[in-house]
């Protein structure tokens, strides 16, 4: 299915298991649920005790 355009306002968004879930309210008042398969990347560079603490947190 080719991509479609949706015009409206982001009503809500939150992290989902496989990406970010968006709820968009269109110009007619209908709500659309969208899933963007996005995964954040966190990079940390630290040495010594700071590096060990960062590794434990991640």
PDB file of N, CA and C in Angstrom:
ATOM      1  N   UNK A   1       0.849  -1.177   0.000  1.00  0.00           N
ATOM      2  CA  UNK A   1       0.000   0.000   0.000  1.00  0.00           C
ATOM      3  C   UNK A   1       0.895   1.242   0.000  1.00  0.00           C
ATOM      4  N   UNK A   2       0.687   2.157  -0.939  1.00  0.00           N
ATOM      5  CA  UNK A   2       1.517   3.369  -0.986  1.00  0.00           C
ATOM      6  C   UNK A   2       1.225   4.274   0.212  1.00  0.00           C
ATOM      7  N   UNK A   3       2.210   5.080   0.614  1.00  0.00           N
ATOM      8  CA  UNK A   3       1.982   6.001   1.726  1.00  0.00           C
ATOM      9  C   UNK A   3       0.853   6.974   1.415  1.00  0.00           C
ATOM     10  N   UNK A   4       0.124   7.338   2.435  1.00  0.00           N
ATOM     11  CA  UNK A   4      -0.960   8.303   2.286  1.00  0.00           C
ATOM     12  C   UNK A   4      -0.641   9.529   3.132  1.00  0.00           C
ATOM     13  N   UNK A   5      -1.186  10.650   2.730  1.00  0.00           N
ATOM     14  CA  UNK A   5      -1.015  11.876   3.502  1.00  0.00           C
ATOM     15  C   UNK A   5      -2.108  11.975   4.545  1.00  0.00           C
ATOM     16  N   UNK A   6      -1.732  12.465   5.703  1.00  0.00           N
ATOM     17  CA  UNK A   6      -2.684  12.691   6.780  1.00  0.00           C
ATOM     18  C   UNK A   6      -2.410  14.079   7.325  1.00  0.00           C
ATOM     19  N   UNK A   7      -3.436  14.889   7.350  1.00  0.00           N
ATOM     20  CA  UNK A   7      -3.283  16.250   7.846  1.00  0.00           C
ATOM     21  C   UNK A   7      -4.077  16.376   9.137  1.00  0.00           C
ATOM     22  N   UNK A   8      -3.414  16.852  10.191  1.00  0.00           N
ATOM     23  CA  UNK A   8      -4.095  16.986  11.464  1.00  0.00           C
ATOM     24  C   UNK A   8      -3.142  17.409  12.557  1.00  0.00           C
ATOM     25  N   UNK A   9      -3.493  17.033  13.772  1.00  0.00           N
ATOM     26  CA  UNK A   9      -2.738  17.437  14.950  1.00  0.00           C
ATOM     27  C   UNK A   9      -2.356  16.198  15.735  1.00  0.00           C
ATOM     28  N   UNK A  10      -1.128  16.179  16.260  1.00  0.00           N
ATOM     29  CA  UNK A  10      -0.714  15.071  17.120  1.00  0.00           C
ATOM     30  C   UNK A  10      -1.455  15.214  18.434  1.00  0.00           C
ATOM     31  N   UNK A  11      -2.246  14.215  18.746  1.00  0.00           N
ATOM     32  CA  UNK A  11      -3.063  14.215  19.950  1.00  0.00           C
ATOM     33  C   UNK A  11      -2.305  13.591  21.117  1.00  0.00           C
ATOM     34  N   UNK A  12      -1.536  12.534  20.819  1.00  0.00           N
ATOM     35  CA  UNK A  12      -0.779  11.841  21.860  1.00  0.00           C
ATOM     36  C   UNK A  12       0.347  11.063  21.202  1.00  0.00           C
ATOM     37  N   UNK A  13       1.392  10.801  21.953  1.00  0.00           N
ATOM     38  CA  UNK A  13       2.480   9.941  21.482  1.00  0.00           C
ATOM     39  C   UNK A  13       3.108   9.268  22.693  1.00  0.00           C
ATOM     40  N   UNK A  14       3.584   8.055  22.473  1.00  0.00           N
ATOM     41  CA  UNK A  14       4.286   7.358  23.545  1.00  0.00           C
ATOM     42  C   UNK A  14       5.133   6.230  22.964  1.00  0.00           C
ATOM     43  N   UNK A  15       6.113   5.818  23.744  1.00  0.00           N
ATOM     44  CA  UNK A  15       6.973   4.717  23.324  1.00  0.00           C
ATOM     45  C   UNK A  15       6.158   3.430  23.292  1.00  0.00           C
ATOM     46  N   UNK A  16       6.366   2.665  22.258  1.00  0.00           N
ATOM     47  CA  UNK A  16       5.703   1.371  22.110  1.00  0.00           C
ATOM     48  C   UNK A  16       6.788   0.300  21.989  1.00  0.00           C
ATOM     49  N   UNK A  17       6.387  -0.936  22.028  1.00  0.00           N
ATOM     50  CA  UNK A  17       7.353  -2.038  21.979  1.00  0.00           C
ATOM     51  C   UNK A  17       8.218  -2.005  20.720  1.00  0.00           C
ATOM     52  N   UNK A  18       7.637  -1.642  19.604  1.00  0.00           N
ATOM     53  CA  UNK A  18       8.366  -1.670  18.334  1.00  0.00           C
ATOM     54  C   UNK A  18       8.524  -0.291  17.714  1.00  0.00           C
ATOM     55  N   UNK A  19       8.467   0.775  18.509  1.00  0.00           N
ATOM     56  CA  UNK A  19       8.650   2.109  17.960  1.00  0.00           C
ATOM     57  C   UNK A  19       7.952   3.164  18.786  1.00  0.00           C
ATOM     58  N   UNK A  20       7.427   4.148  18.095  1.00  0.00           N
ATOM     59  CA  UNK A  20       6.692   5.234  18.738  1.00  0.00           C
ATOM     60  C   UNK A  20       5.270   5.232  18.193  1.00  0.00           C
ATOM     61  N   UNK A  21       4.302   5.217  19.079  1.00  0.00           N
ATOM     62  CA  UNK A  21       2.897   5.229  18.684  1.00  0.00           C
ATOM     63  C   UNK A  21       2.391   6.669  18.730  1.00  0.00           C
ATOM     64  N   UNK A  22       1.776   7.094  17.643  1.00  0.00           N
ATOM     65  CA  UNK A  22       1.205   8.436  17.532  1.00  0.00           C
ATOM     66  C   UNK A  22      -0.296   8.336  17.338  1.00  0.00           C
ATOM     67  N   UNK A  23      -1.004   9.234  17.983  1.00  0.00           N
ATOM     68  CA  UNK A  23      -2.436   9.382  17.754  1.00  0.00           C
ATOM     69  C   UNK A  23      -2.617  10.756  17.124  1.00  0.00           C
ATOM     70  N   UNK A  24      -3.191  10.769  15.933  1.00  0.00           N
ATOM     71  CA  UNK A  24      -3.369  12.013  15.182  1.00  0.00           C
ATOM     72  C   UNK A  24      -4.853  12.271  15.001  1.00  0.00           C
ATOM     73  N   UNK A  25      -5.260  13.472  15.319  1.00  0.00           N
ATOM     74  CA  UNK A  25      -6.639  13.913  15.131  1.00  0.00           C
ATOM     75  C   UNK A  25      -6.702  14.654  13.803  1.00  0.00           C
ATOM     76  N   UNK A  26      -7.468  14.117  12.834  1.00  0.00           N
ATOM     77  CA  UNK A  26      -7.507  14.753  11.515  1.00  0.00           C
ATOM     78  C   UNK A  26      -8.463  15.945  11.503  1.00  0.00           C
ATOM     79  N   UNK A  27      -8.510  16.611  10.373  1.00  0.00           N
ATOM     80  CA  UNK A  27      -9.317  17.829  10.246  1.00  0.00           C
ATOM     81  C   UNK A  27     -10.810  17.572  10.393  1.00  0.00           C
ATOM     82  N   UNK A  28     -11.233  16.305  10.245  1.00  0.00           N
ATOM     83  CA  UNK A  28     -12.646  15.946  10.401  1.00  0.00           C
ATOM     84  C   UNK A  28     -12.982  15.533  11.829  1.00  0.00           C
ATOM     85  N   UNK A  29     -11.964  15.470  12.689  1.00  0.00           N
ATOM     86  CA  UNK A  29     -12.187  15.062  14.068  1.00  0.00           C
ATOM     87  C   UNK A  29     -11.989  13.579  14.315  1.00  0.00           C
ATOM     88  N   UNK A  30     -11.593  12.838  13.278  1.00  0.00           N
ATOM     89  CA  UNK A  30     -11.336  11.402  13.444  1.00  0.00           C
ATOM     90  C   UNK A  30      -9.926  11.183  13.990  1.00  0.00           C
ATOM     91  N   UNK A  31      -9.790  10.159  14.813  1.00  0.00           N
ATOM     92  CA  UNK A  31      -8.506   9.843  15.429  1.00  0.00           C
ATOM     93  C   UNK A  31      -7.850   8.683  14.678  1.00  0.00           C
ATOM     94  N   UNK A  32      -6.562   8.812  14.392  1.00  0.00           N
ATOM     95  CA  UNK A  32      -5.806   7.789  13.669  1.00  0.00           C
ATOM     96  C   UNK A  32      -4.631   7.341  14.528  1.00  0.00           C
ATOM     97  N   UNK A  33      -4.446   6.031  14.624  1.00  0.00           N
ATOM     98  CA  UNK A  33      -3.313   5.469  15.359  1.00  0.00           C
ATOM     99  C   UNK A  33      -2.223   5.100  14.359  1.00  0.00           C
ATOM    100  N   UNK A  34      -1.017   5.598  14.578  1.00  0.00           N
ATOM    101  CA  UNK A  34       0.108   5.329  13.694  1.00  0.00           C
ATOM    102  C   UNK A  34       1.260   4.766  14.512  1.00  0.00           C
ATOM    103  N   UNK A  35       2.043   3.885  13.902  1.00  0.00           N
ATOM    104  CA  UNK A  35       3.228   3.351  14.559  1.00  0.00           C
ATOM    105  C   UNK A  35       4.436   3.660  13.695  1.00  0.00           C
ATOM    106  N   UNK A  36       5.385   4.383  14.261  1.00  0.00           N
ATOM    107  CA  UNK A  36       6.639   4.679  13.576  1.00  0.00           C
ATOM    108  C   UNK A  36       7.691   3.726  14.133  1.00  0.00           C
ATOM    109  N   UNK A  37       8.220   2.814  13.310  1.00  0.00           N
ATOM    110  CA  UNK A  37       9.181   1.833  13.807  1.00  0.00           C
ATOM    111  C   UNK A  37      10.545   2.466  14.065  1.00  0.00           C
ATOM    112  N   UNK A  38      10.619   3.237  15.113  1.00  0.00           N
ATOM    113  CA  UNK A  38      11.815   3.994  15.458  1.00  0.00           C
ATOM    114  C   UNK A  38      12.375   3.473  16.767  1.00  0.00           C
ATOM    115  N   UNK A  39      13.686   3.341  16.839  1.00  0.00           N
ATOM    116  CA  UNK A  39      14.342   2.912  18.077  1.00  0.00           C
ATOM    117  C   UNK A  39      15.446   3.905  18.391  1.00  0.00           C
ATOM    118  N   UNK A  40      15.409   4.493  19.571  1.00  0.00           N
ATOM    119  CA  UNK A  40      16.464   5.439  19.935  1.00  0.00           C
ATOM    120  C   UNK A  40      17.798   4.720  20.137  1.00  0.00           C
ATOM    121  N   UNK A  41      18.860   5.427  19.879  1.00  0.00           N
ATOM    122  CA  UNK A  41      20.208   4.907  20.084  1.00  0.00           C
ATOM    123  C   UNK A  41      20.874   5.766  21.149  1.00  0.00           C
ATOM    124  N   UNK A  42      21.445   5.120  22.138  1.00  0.00           N
ATOM    125  CA  UNK A  42      22.157   5.826  23.200  1.00  0.00           C
ATOM    126  C   UNK A  42      23.617   5.411  23.136  1.00  0.00           C
ATOM    127  N   UNK A  43      24.501   6.394  23.031  1.00  0.00           N
ATOM    128  CA  UNK A  43      25.937   6.118  23.004  1.00  0.00           C
ATOM    129  C   UNK A  43      26.578   6.823  24.197  1.00  0.00           C
ATOM    130  N   UNK A  44      27.396   6.092  24.904  1.00  0.00           N
ATOM    131  CA  UNK A  44      28.060   6.633  26.083  1.00  0.00           C
ATOM    132  C   UNK A  44      29.541   6.294  25.999  1.00  0.00           C
ATOM    133  N   UNK A  45      30.375   7.287  26.262  1.00  0.00           N
ATOM    134  CA  UNK A  45      31.816   7.065  26.330  1.00  0.00           C
ATOM    135  C   UNK A  45      32.307   7.619  27.660  1.00  0.00           C
ATOM    136  N   UNK A  46      32.790   6.736  28.504  1.00  0.00           N
ATOM    137  CA  UNK A  46      33.317   7.156  29.803  1.00  0.00           C
ATOM    138  C   UNK A  46      34.298   6.105  30.290  1.00  0.00           C
ATOM    139  N   UNK A  47      35.226   6.542  31.103  1.00  0.00           N
ATOM    140  CA  UNK A  47      36.233   5.626  31.639  1.00  0.00           C
ATOM    141  C   UNK A  47      36.100   5.529  33.149  1.00  0.00           C
ATOM    142  N   UNK A  48      36.703   4.500  33.670  1.00  0.00           N
ATOM    143  CA  UNK A  48      36.794   4.360  35.117  1.00  0.00           C
ATOM    144  C   UNK A  48      35.450   4.150  35.776  1.00  0.00           C
ATOM    145  N   UNK A  49      35.305   4.750  36.945  1.00  0.00           N
ATOM    146  CA  UNK A  49      34.091   4.570  37.743  1.00  0.00           C
ATOM    147  C   UNK A  49      32.857   5.113  37.022  1.00  0.00           C
ATOM    148  N   UNK A  50      33.009   6.243  36.342  1.00  0.00           N
ATOM    149  CA  UNK A  50      31.872   6.819  35.610  1.00  0.00           C
ATOM    150  C   UNK A  50      31.402   5.866  34.511  1.00  0.00           C
ATOM    151  N   UNK A  51      32.336   5.223  33.824  1.00  0.00           N
ATOM    152  CA  UNK A  51      31.978   4.263  32.788  1.00  0.00           C
ATOM    153  C   UNK A  51      31.263   3.054  33.353  1.00  0.00           C
ATOM    154  N   UNK A  52      31.730   2.570  34.491  1.00  0.00           N
ATOM    155  CA  UNK A  52      31.087   1.420  35.135  1.00  0.00           C
ATOM    156  C   UNK A  52      29.672   1.767  35.577  1.00  0.00           C
ATOM    157  N   UNK A  53      29.476   2.959  36.127  1.00  0.00           N
ATOM    158  CA  UNK A  53      28.129   3.376  36.553  1.00  0.00           C
ATOM    159  C   UNK A  53      27.199   3.492  35.351  1.00  0.00           C
ATOM    160  N   UNK A  54      27.696   4.092  34.263  1.00  0.00           N
ATOM    161  CA  UNK A  54      26.873   4.237  33.055  1.00  0.00           C
ATOM    162  C   UNK A  54      26.494   2.868  32.500  1.00  0.00           C
ATOM    163  N   UNK A  55      27.436   1.943  32.489  1.00  0.00           N
ATOM    164  CA  UNK A  55      27.161   0.597  31.980  1.00  0.00           C
ATOM    165  C   UNK A  55      26.091  -0.100  32.819  1.00  0.00           C
ATOM    166  N   UNK A  56      26.134   0.077  34.125  1.00  0.00           N
ATOM    167  CA  UNK A  56      25.126  -0.531  34.996  1.00  0.00           C
ATOM    168  C   UNK A  56      23.743   0.061  34.761  1.00  0.00           C
ATOM    169  N   UNK A  57      23.680   1.336  34.433  1.00  0.00           N
ATOM    170  CA  UNK A  57      22.386   1.982  34.192  1.00  0.00           C
ATOM    171  C   UNK A  57      21.762   1.538  32.882  1.00  0.00           C
ATOM    172  N   UNK A  58      22.606   1.262  31.885  1.00  0.00           N
ATOM    173  CA  UNK A  58      22.087   0.879  30.579  1.00  0.00           C
ATOM    174  C   UNK A  58      21.881  -0.612  30.538  1.00  0.00           C
TER     175      UNK A  58
END
